Amino acid sequence: MSSSMISRRLALAAMTAAALCASPAVAEPRLPAVDAVLQPLVDQGLWSGSVILVLKDGKVVHSSAAGKRDQATGDPMRPDTIFRAFSMSKPITAVAMMILYDQGKWRPEDPITRFLPELAGVKVFKGMGPDGKPILEAPARMPTMRELMTHTAGFSYGMGRGYVDDQYKALKVMDAPDGETFIARLAQVPLAYEPGTQWMYSASVDVQGAILQRITGQRLDDFMQAKILGPLKMRDTGFVVPPEKRSRFANLYLLSGGKLGPMPPGSGLFYNTYEQRPGFPSGGGGMVTTAGDYARFGQMLLNGGTLGRARIISPAAAKLMTSNQLPAAVVDKDFTNGWQRLRAGYQHGYDGVVVTDPVKGATAMGKDSYMWDGAAGTWFWVDPERKVVFVGMINQFNLQKLPNHEELSQQAIAKVWPSSQARQ
C-alpha cells in the first residue's frame, strides 16, 4: 500500500472519529431521503429542533442539526447539543448488566431474589375483592433475571391506573433517594401479574441498577463511567449536565393544541434539571447524551461489543442482548408502550426491541435490528443487515399526535439501502 493511500485512510479515520467524538461545526454530509421526512417537522414548527446522525459501515453518512435548542433565545441546535435520553438510558444499562454477565456474576435463569432477598415475600395482585380490598397471593415463582431484562418480571412503573400503580405513587417508589430505599419501597408493592406471563413497561431497568450496585459495590453512574462511557469516549453522556455544558443543553418542550411551549414546572424524572448528581441514578431513564456519543454506543453494539481498541462486552453477550428473549405466548398478546407494539417479527431482547422478521413485523428495519426510544422523542436503532447506526435526538412531549417519526426515518433509510427482507 502506498504512503499516500495510507495517509488518506488515516485522515478518513480521523475525520470519522472527530465526527463521533466532537461533532463537526458544519452539519454534513446529508441523506436527502432523511431530510425529506424529518426536516418538515421542524419547518412546520412541530418540532423545536433535532440532531440526526447516521453511520454506514462505521462512517458518518448523514449529520444534521435543525431548529432551535432554545426557542426563547433563538439559540440553534448544534451537532453537540445535549439531550435528555430518558428511556434510551435503558440499552446502556443493559450493556452494564452484560459486562457482569460476561464476568459470570448472573445468569438469565437466576431468580432476582438471589441479589435482592428483600423481594422474597412479594405478592402478586389478583384483583380487587368484593370487600374493596386487594387480593394478593404468593407468585407461582420468583421473577428471573431474564424476565427482569425484558419487562416480564411483574413490575410496573407507577404511571398508569389501578391498585398496583397507585401503590407505586403512594410509596414514591420512583422518587427514592437511594438504591436501598428504592428496593425497600418496591418490596412493599405487589407484582402486577405472574412473572413471565405478560409484558409491561416498568421499573425493571432501575431494579437492574440496584442489582448492579449490590454485585459490584459501585453506584451505577460510577460503573458506567469506568466501564462504558470512558472507554467509548462518550464525553457528554451521564446523569449530570455540569455548569460548563449548560449552554449546550436542549430545552424541553410540550406540544399542546398543535403548538409548542415550554415544559410546565413539576417534579419527578421528567422534570429533572440534571444540575446535581442523583442519589439513585435511574438506569431506566436518568441519562443525558449527544447524538455523537450515542452513535459511538450504537456502533459498539453493531460491532459485537467493541469500538476501536475498546472491548466493552463479548460478542456472545452482545448477541444475547440483541436477540429475542420473549416466548411467543407473550409476544402474541400485542403489548404496547408508546410507538412500540410487540408482535410477531417485532419482539424484545434485553432492554430493547429486536426485529426477528421485518415482513411479519411490518417494519423497514432490517433483520436482527435492535432499537429503542425515549419519552421526549429520542430514538435509535442498529441494523446489522445494512450495517447502519441511526440516532435521532429531539426533546419534547406529546409526539404521539404527530406522524411517527421513527417509522418515517426507518423507511427513509430503507429507500437509501433497500433490503430484500425489510418492508420498504
Protein backbone atom coordinates (compact mmCIF):
# COMPACT_ATOMS: atom_id res chain seq x y z
CA MET A 1 0.00 0.00 0.00
CA SER A 2 1.45 3.39 -0.97
CA SER A 3 2.24 6.00 1.65
CA SER A 4 -0.27 8.39 0.07
CA MET A 5 -3.06 5.78 0.34
CA ILE A 6 -2.15 5.11 3.95
CA SER A 7 -2.27 8.84 4.66
CA ARG A 8 -5.70 9.15 3.05
CA ARG A 9 -7.08 6.25 5.11
CA LEU A 10 -5.64 7.65 8.30
CA ALA A 11 -7.16 11.03 7.52
CA LEU A 12 -10.56 9.45 6.86
CA ALA A 13 -10.39 7.51 10.11
CA ALA A 14 -9.50 10.69 11.98
CA MET A 15 -12.43 12.55 10.38
CA THR A 16 -14.86 9.78 11.39
CA ALA A 17 -13.57 9.73 14.96
CA ALA A 18 -13.85 13.51 15.20
CA ALA A 19 -17.41 13.43 13.92
CA LEU A 20 -18.41 10.94 16.59
CA CYS A 21 -16.48 12.50 19.47
CA ALA A 22 -16.76 16.23 18.97
CA SER A 23 -19.32 16.69 16.17
CA PRO A 24 -18.45 18.92 13.21
CA ALA A 25 -19.28 22.62 13.11
CA VAL A 26 -20.95 22.13 9.72
CA ALA A 27 -23.67 19.50 9.54
CA GLU A 28 -22.63 17.33 6.61
CA PRO A 29 -22.84 15.02 4.74
CA ARG A 30 -26.59 14.63 4.23
CA LEU A 31 -29.02 11.97 3.10
CA PRO A 32 -31.83 13.72 1.17
CA ALA A 33 -34.25 10.89 1.99
CA VAL A 34 -33.79 11.54 5.72
CA ASP A 35 -34.10 15.31 5.34
CA ALA A 36 -37.26 14.87 3.26
CA VAL A 37 -39.20 13.18 6.07
CA LEU A 38 -37.78 14.87 9.19
CA GLN A 39 -36.94 18.45 8.19
CA PRO A 40 -40.63 19.35 7.54
CA LEU A 41 -41.43 18.62 11.20
CA VAL A 42 -39.01 21.38 12.18
CA ASP A 43 -40.02 23.73 9.34
CA GLN A 44 -43.71 23.45 10.31
CA GLY A 45 -42.96 24.25 13.94
CA LEU A 46 -43.99 20.79 15.15
CA TRP A 47 -40.51 20.09 16.47
CA SER A 48 -38.41 22.68 18.25
CA GLY A 49 -35.34 21.15 16.66
CA SER A 50 -33.41 17.97 16.03
CA VAL A 51 -29.97 16.47 15.64
CA ILE A 52 -29.73 13.42 13.38
CA LEU A 53 -26.67 11.24 12.85
CA VAL A 54 -26.39 8.20 10.59
CA LEU A 55 -23.42 5.85 10.27
CA LYS A 56 -22.92 3.34 7.48
CA ASP A 57 -20.07 0.85 7.70
CA GLY A 58 -18.74 2.85 10.64
CA LYS A 59 -18.61 6.14 8.73
CA VAL A 60 -20.78 9.24 9.07
CA VAL A 61 -23.10 9.47 6.07
CA HIS A 62 -25.59 11.96 7.49
CA SER A 63 -25.23 14.68 10.11
CA SER A 64 -27.83 17.41 10.54
CA ALA A 65 -28.79 19.92 13.20
CA ALA A 66 -32.03 21.82 12.61
CA GLY A 67 -34.25 24.18 14.57
CA LYS A 68 -33.73 25.71 17.99
CA ARG A 69 -32.15 24.42 21.17
CA ASP A 70 -33.87 27.28 23.00
CA GLN A 71 -36.87 28.90 21.35
CA ALA A 72 -36.85 31.89 23.68
CA THR A 73 -33.27 32.91 22.90
CA GLY A 74 -33.18 31.55 19.37
CA ASP A 75 -30.06 29.55 20.13
CA PRO A 76 -29.85 26.89 17.39
CA MET A 77 -29.45 23.16 17.62
CA ARG A 78 -25.88 22.07 17.06
CA PRO A 79 -24.32 18.65 16.48
CA ASP A 80 -23.02 18.65 20.07
CA THR A 81 -26.32 19.66 21.71
CA ILE A 82 -27.01 17.61 24.84
CA PHE A 83 -30.40 15.88 25.15
CA ARG A 84 -32.37 14.07 27.81
CA ALA A 85 -32.10 10.42 26.82
CA PHE A 86 -34.88 9.27 29.17
CA SER A 87 -35.53 5.62 28.24
CA MET A 88 -32.64 5.49 25.81
CA SER A 89 -30.72 5.10 29.06
CA LYS A 90 -32.04 1.54 29.16
CA PRO A 91 -29.80 -0.01 26.48
CA ILE A 92 -26.75 1.49 28.19
CA THR A 93 -27.84 -0.10 31.47
CA ALA A 94 -28.35 -3.37 29.60
CA VAL A 95 -24.72 -3.22 28.45
CA ALA A 96 -23.63 -2.56 32.04
CA MET A 97 -25.50 -5.71 33.03
CA MET A 98 -23.95 -7.66 30.17
CA ILE A 99 -20.49 -6.73 31.46
CA LEU A 100 -21.43 -8.51 34.68
CA TYR A 101 -22.88 -11.38 32.64
CA ASP A 102 -19.51 -11.78 30.93
CA GLN A 103 -17.93 -11.93 34.38
CA GLY A 104 -20.24 -14.77 35.41
CA LYS A 105 -21.99 -12.64 38.03
CA TRP A 106 -25.51 -13.56 36.89
CA ARG A 107 -27.35 -15.88 34.54
CA PRO A 108 -30.74 -15.41 32.84
CA GLU A 109 -32.34 -18.18 34.88
CA ASP A 110 -31.25 -16.74 38.25
CA PRO A 111 -34.15 -15.57 40.46
CA ILE A 112 -33.77 -11.87 41.20
CA THR A 113 -34.03 -12.69 44.90
CA ARG A 114 -30.50 -14.10 44.66
CA PHE A 115 -29.42 -10.46 44.64
CA LEU A 116 -32.43 -8.81 46.27
CA PRO A 117 -33.58 -11.08 49.13
CA GLU A 118 -35.87 -8.27 50.33
CA LEU A 119 -38.23 -9.18 47.49
CA ALA A 120 -38.68 -12.79 48.64
CA GLY A 121 -42.02 -12.00 50.25
CA VAL A 122 -43.50 -10.05 47.34
CA LYS A 123 -47.08 -10.93 46.34
CA VAL A 124 -48.99 -10.86 43.08
CA PHE A 125 -52.04 -8.66 42.63
CA LYS A 126 -55.03 -10.77 41.57
CA GLY A 127 -57.71 -8.10 41.51
CA MET A 128 -59.99 -6.32 43.96
CA GLY A 129 -62.21 -8.37 46.23
CA PRO A 130 -65.94 -7.76 46.87
CA ASP A 131 -64.94 -6.00 50.09
CA GLY A 132 -62.94 -3.46 48.12
CA LYS A 133 -59.61 -4.84 49.32
CA PRO A 134 -56.86 -6.15 47.03
CA ILE A 135 -56.49 -9.89 46.54
CA LEU A 136 -52.80 -10.71 46.99
CA GLU A 137 -51.24 -14.14 46.53
CA ALA A 138 -47.75 -15.58 46.52
CA PRO A 139 -46.36 -15.81 42.97
CA ALA A 140 -46.01 -19.21 41.35
CA ARG A 141 -42.27 -18.48 41.35
CA MET A 142 -39.91 -15.56 41.73
CA PRO A 143 -39.07 -13.43 38.67
CA THR A 144 -35.86 -14.37 36.87
CA MET A 145 -33.09 -12.15 35.59
CA ARG A 146 -34.22 -12.83 32.01
CA GLU A 147 -37.67 -11.53 32.92
CA LEU A 148 -36.16 -8.53 34.65
CA MET A 149 -34.20 -7.72 31.48
CA THR A 150 -37.33 -7.99 29.31
CA HIS A 151 -40.09 -6.20 31.30
CA THR A 152 -41.82 -9.50 32.05
CA ALA A 153 -40.95 -9.77 35.77
CA GLY A 154 -44.25 -8.38 37.03
CA PHE A 155 -43.17 -4.86 37.92
CA SER A 156 -44.93 -1.68 36.81
CA TYR A 157 -43.84 1.97 36.58
CA GLY A 158 -46.46 3.75 38.63
CA MET A 159 -47.55 5.80 35.62
CA GLY A 160 -50.85 4.06 34.95
CA ARG A 161 -54.08 3.50 36.80
CA GLY A 162 -55.16 0.77 39.18
CA TYR A 163 -54.16 -0.59 42.55
CA VAL A 164 -50.56 -1.54 41.75
CA ASP A 165 -49.69 1.76 40.10
CA ASP A 166 -51.40 3.62 42.91
CA GLN A 167 -49.06 1.88 45.36
CA TYR A 168 -46.00 2.95 43.35
CA LYS A 169 -47.23 6.53 43.60
CA ALA A 170 -48.22 6.39 47.26
CA LEU A 171 -44.87 4.93 48.31
CA LYS A 172 -42.95 7.19 45.90
CA VAL A 173 -41.01 4.20 44.61
CA MET A 174 -39.59 6.05 41.61
CA ASP A 175 -38.58 9.04 43.75
CA ALA A 176 -36.43 7.02 46.17
CA PRO A 177 -33.34 8.95 47.32
CA ASP A 178 -31.02 5.93 47.03
CA GLY A 179 -30.92 2.35 45.80
CA GLU A 180 -31.57 0.72 49.16
CA THR A 181 -34.66 2.85 49.75
CA PHE A 182 -35.84 2.09 46.22
CA ILE A 183 -35.73 -1.66 46.86
CA ALA A 184 -37.29 -1.31 50.32
CA ARG A 185 -40.24 0.58 48.84
CA LEU A 186 -40.55 -1.75 45.87
CA ALA A 187 -40.75 -4.73 48.23
CA GLN A 188 -44.00 -3.30 49.61
CA VAL A 189 -45.74 -3.26 46.21
CA PRO A 190 -47.26 -6.40 44.70
CA LEU A 191 -46.35 -7.62 41.26
CA ALA A 192 -48.88 -6.62 38.62
CA TYR A 193 -49.02 -10.15 37.14
CA GLU A 194 -47.43 -13.57 37.41
CA PRO A 195 -43.79 -13.41 36.28
CA GLY A 196 -43.22 -14.36 32.66
CA THR A 197 -46.87 -14.18 31.59
CA GLN A 198 -47.12 -10.58 30.36
CA TRP A 199 -45.01 -7.68 29.08
CA MET A 200 -45.37 -4.39 30.94
CA TYR A 201 -43.09 -1.38 30.59
CA SER A 202 -41.69 -0.97 34.05
CA ALA A 203 -39.11 -0.04 36.64
CA SER A 204 -37.22 -3.23 35.83
CA VAL A 205 -34.21 -1.35 34.49
CA ASP A 206 -33.92 0.64 37.70
CA VAL A 207 -34.02 -2.69 39.52
CA GLN A 208 -31.12 -3.75 37.30
CA GLY A 209 -29.20 -0.71 38.52
CA ALA A 210 -29.86 -1.70 42.12
CA ILE A 211 -28.66 -5.24 41.43
CA LEU A 212 -25.52 -3.93 39.76
CA GLN A 213 -24.78 -1.89 42.86
CA ARG A 214 -25.26 -4.99 45.04
CA ILE A 215 -22.95 -7.09 42.87
CA THR A 216 -20.18 -4.55 42.36
CA GLY A 217 -20.43 -2.28 45.39
CA GLN A 218 -20.37 0.63 42.93
CA ARG A 219 -23.01 3.18 42.01
CA LEU A 220 -24.41 2.72 38.53
CA ASP A 221 -23.03 6.05 37.28
CA ASP A 222 -19.51 5.27 38.52
CA PHE A 223 -19.61 1.81 36.97
CA MET A 224 -20.86 3.15 33.63
CA GLN A 225 -18.19 5.84 33.53
CA ALA A 226 -15.40 3.36 34.20
CA LYS A 227 -16.63 0.51 32.02
CA ILE A 228 -18.66 2.09 29.19
CA LEU A 229 -18.69 5.87 28.87
CA GLY A 230 -14.98 6.40 29.44
CA PRO A 231 -13.73 3.60 27.17
CA LEU A 232 -16.17 4.64 24.40
CA LYS A 233 -15.23 8.33 24.78
CA MET A 234 -18.88 9.26 25.39
CA ARG A 235 -17.75 12.52 26.96
CA ASP A 236 -21.14 14.23 27.16
CA THR A 237 -23.14 11.25 28.43
CA GLY A 238 -24.04 10.75 32.07
CA PHE A 239 -26.52 11.76 34.76
CA VAL A 240 -25.48 15.40 35.22
CA VAL A 241 -25.06 18.43 32.94
CA PRO A 242 -22.28 20.47 34.61
CA PRO A 243 -22.22 24.30 34.50
CA GLU A 244 -19.72 24.46 31.64
CA LYS A 245 -22.07 22.43 29.41
CA ARG A 246 -25.42 24.03 30.30
CA SER A 247 -25.31 26.26 27.22
CA ARG A 248 -25.45 23.10 25.08
CA PHE A 249 -28.38 21.52 26.93
CA ALA A 250 -31.60 21.37 24.88
CA ASN A 251 -34.70 22.83 26.47
CA LEU A 252 -37.67 20.52 26.96
CA TYR A 253 -40.92 21.35 25.16
CA LEU A 254 -44.52 20.20 25.17
CA LEU A 255 -46.74 20.01 22.10
CA SER A 256 -50.24 21.12 23.10
CA GLY A 257 -53.06 22.23 20.88
CA GLY A 258 -50.78 21.93 17.86
CA LYS A 259 -48.35 24.45 19.35
CA LEU A 260 -45.03 24.07 21.09
CA GLY A 261 -44.49 25.55 24.52
CA PRO A 262 -42.02 25.13 27.36
CA MET A 263 -42.50 22.19 29.69
CA PRO A 264 -44.51 23.42 32.71
CA PRO A 265 -42.99 23.16 36.20
CA GLY A 266 -43.30 19.87 38.02
CA SER A 267 -41.46 17.20 39.94
CA GLY A 268 -40.15 13.73 39.17
CA LEU A 269 -37.93 12.26 36.49
CA PHE A 270 -39.47 14.17 33.59
CA TYR A 271 -38.69 17.47 35.32
CA ASN A 272 -35.12 16.66 36.28
CA THR A 273 -32.79 19.63 35.74
CA TYR A 274 -29.66 17.44 35.79
CA GLU A 275 -27.82 20.02 37.86
CA GLN A 276 -26.92 17.68 40.71
CA ARG A 277 -25.70 14.13 40.92
CA PRO A 278 -28.71 11.89 41.73
CA GLY A 279 -28.75 9.87 44.92
CA PHE A 280 -30.01 6.88 42.95
CA PRO A 281 -29.05 7.09 39.25
CA SER A 282 -32.00 5.94 37.15
CA GLY A 283 -30.75 3.32 34.73
CA GLY A 284 -34.20 3.32 33.21
CA GLY A 285 -34.41 6.99 32.30
CA GLY A 286 -31.93 9.29 34.01
CA MET A 287 -29.22 9.94 31.45
CA VAL A 288 -28.29 12.75 29.08
CA THR A 289 -26.33 12.31 25.88
CA THR A 290 -25.49 13.67 22.43
CA ALA A 291 -26.09 12.18 19.00
CA GLY A 292 -22.35 11.67 18.55
CA ASP A 293 -21.94 9.91 21.87
CA TYR A 294 -24.88 7.62 21.30
CA ALA A 295 -23.68 6.81 17.79
CA ARG A 296 -20.46 5.52 19.32
CA PHE A 297 -22.53 3.36 21.65
CA GLY A 298 -24.63 2.08 18.74
CA GLN A 299 -21.57 1.30 16.65
CA MET A 300 -20.15 -0.69 19.56
CA LEU A 301 -23.31 -2.82 19.59
CA LEU A 302 -23.18 -3.24 15.82
CA ASN A 303 -19.54 -4.33 16.09
CA GLY A 304 -20.45 -7.06 18.57
CA GLY A 305 -19.32 -5.26 21.71
CA THR A 306 -16.24 -3.36 20.59
CA LEU A 307 -15.27 0.05 19.23
CA GLY A 308 -11.73 0.76 18.18
CA ARG A 309 -9.47 -0.76 20.82
CA ALA A 310 -12.19 -0.78 23.48
CA ARG A 311 -13.85 -4.14 24.12
CA ILE A 312 -16.95 -3.45 26.24
CA ILE A 313 -18.80 -6.78 26.13
CA SER A 314 -18.14 -10.10 24.44
CA PRO A 315 -19.66 -10.95 21.05
CA ALA A 316 -21.76 -13.60 22.82
CA ALA A 317 -23.11 -11.05 25.31
CA ALA A 318 -23.88 -8.56 22.54
CA LYS A 319 -25.70 -11.27 20.60
CA LEU A 320 -27.71 -12.34 23.65
CA MET A 321 -28.71 -8.75 24.44
CA THR A 322 -29.85 -8.03 20.88
CA SER A 323 -31.70 -11.33 20.29
CA ASN A 324 -35.34 -12.03 21.09
CA GLN A 325 -35.86 -13.21 24.66
CA LEU A 326 -39.66 -13.41 24.76
CA PRO A 327 -41.78 -16.53 24.28
CA ALA A 328 -44.38 -16.41 21.53
CA ALA A 329 -47.17 -16.61 24.11
CA VAL A 330 -46.14 -13.18 25.44
CA VAL A 331 -45.39 -11.59 22.06
CA ASP A 332 -48.77 -12.65 20.67
CA LYS A 333 -50.64 -10.69 23.35
CA ASP A 334 -49.96 -7.43 21.48
CA PHE A 335 -48.46 -5.43 24.37
CA THR A 336 -47.77 -1.77 23.62
CA ASN A 337 -45.81 1.15 25.00
CA GLY A 338 -45.88 4.38 23.02
CA TRP A 339 -44.95 3.53 19.44
CA GLN A 340 -43.51 0.17 20.46
CA ARG A 341 -46.02 -2.62 19.86
CA LEU A 342 -44.73 -6.15 20.33
CA ARG A 343 -45.83 -8.58 17.65
CA ALA A 344 -44.56 -11.46 15.55
CA GLY A 345 -41.29 -10.37 13.95
CA TYR A 346 -41.02 -7.31 16.24
CA GLN A 347 -40.02 -8.69 19.60
CA HIS A 348 -37.85 -7.88 22.59
CA GLY A 349 -34.27 -8.56 23.67
CA TYR A 350 -32.64 -7.15 26.77
CA ASP A 351 -33.97 -3.62 27.35
CA GLY A 352 -34.80 -3.03 23.69
CA VAL A 353 -36.80 -4.13 20.64
CA VAL A 354 -35.42 -6.81 18.32
CA VAL A 355 -36.55 -7.32 14.73
CA THR A 356 -36.68 -11.05 14.06
CA ASP A 357 -38.66 -10.86 10.81
CA PRO A 358 -39.11 -7.49 9.04
CA VAL A 359 -42.00 -8.76 6.91
CA LYS A 360 -44.01 -10.24 9.78
CA GLY A 361 -43.11 -7.26 11.96
CA ALA A 362 -44.15 -4.80 9.23
CA THR A 363 -41.02 -2.71 9.75
CA ALA A 364 -38.50 -1.16 7.39
CA MET A 365 -35.62 -2.02 9.71
CA GLY A 366 -33.50 -4.99 8.70
CA LYS A 367 -33.44 -8.42 10.31
CA ASP A 368 -31.75 -8.52 13.74
CA SER A 369 -32.04 -4.75 14.19
CA TYR A 370 -32.06 -3.57 17.80
CA MET A 371 -33.79 -0.32 18.73
CA TRP A 372 -35.31 1.75 21.50
CA ASP A 373 -36.51 5.29 22.13
CA GLY A 374 -37.03 7.87 24.86
CA ALA A 375 -40.04 9.66 26.34
CA ALA A 376 -39.15 13.01 24.79
CA GLY A 377 -38.69 11.69 21.28
CA THR A 378 -35.12 10.42 21.07
CA TRP A 379 -34.74 7.20 19.09
CA PHE A 380 -32.06 4.95 17.71
CA TRP A 381 -31.50 1.61 16.05
CA VAL A 382 -28.64 -0.51 14.83
CA ASP A 383 -29.23 -2.54 11.67
CA PRO A 384 -26.72 -5.37 11.15
CA GLU A 385 -28.17 -6.21 7.75
CA ARG A 386 -27.40 -2.74 6.39
CA LYS A 387 -24.52 -2.04 8.79
CA VAL A 388 -26.29 1.17 9.75
CA VAL A 389 -26.49 3.07 13.04
CA PHE A 390 -29.22 5.71 13.23
CA VAL A 391 -29.51 8.21 16.11
CA GLY A 392 -32.25 10.83 16.32
CA MET A 393 -32.39 13.47 19.05
CA ILE A 394 -35.31 15.74 19.92
CA ASN A 395 -36.64 16.81 23.32
CA GLN A 396 -40.40 17.29 23.55
CA PHE A 397 -43.53 15.51 24.75
CA ASN A 398 -46.90 14.61 23.18
CA LEU A 399 -45.32 13.33 19.98
CA GLN A 400 -47.97 10.64 19.52
CA LYS A 401 -50.18 13.33 18.00
CA LEU A 402 -47.69 13.72 15.12
CA PRO A 403 -46.62 11.40 12.30
CA ASN A 404 -44.49 8.52 13.60
CA HIS A 405 -41.00 9.93 13.05
CA GLU A 406 -39.40 6.61 13.94
CA GLU A 407 -41.14 4.79 11.11
CA LEU A 408 -40.56 7.71 8.73
CA SER A 409 -36.82 7.62 9.36
CA GLN A 410 -36.69 3.82 9.08
CA GLN A 411 -38.50 3.96 5.74
CA ALA A 412 -36.12 6.68 4.55
CA ILE A 413 -33.08 4.56 5.35
CA ALA A 414 -34.71 1.60 3.58
CA LYS A 415 -35.06 3.71 0.44
CA VAL A 416 -31.37 4.58 0.52
CA TRP A 417 -30.26 0.99 1.20
CA PRO A 418 -33.04 -1.42 0.13
CA SER A 419 -33.30 -4.85 1.68
CA SER A 420 -34.88 -7.99 0.33
CA GLN A 421 -36.24 -8.81 3.80
CA ALA A 422 -37.36 -5.43 5.20
CA ARG A 423 -40.68 -3.78 4.42
CA GLN A 424 -39.93 -0.71 2.27
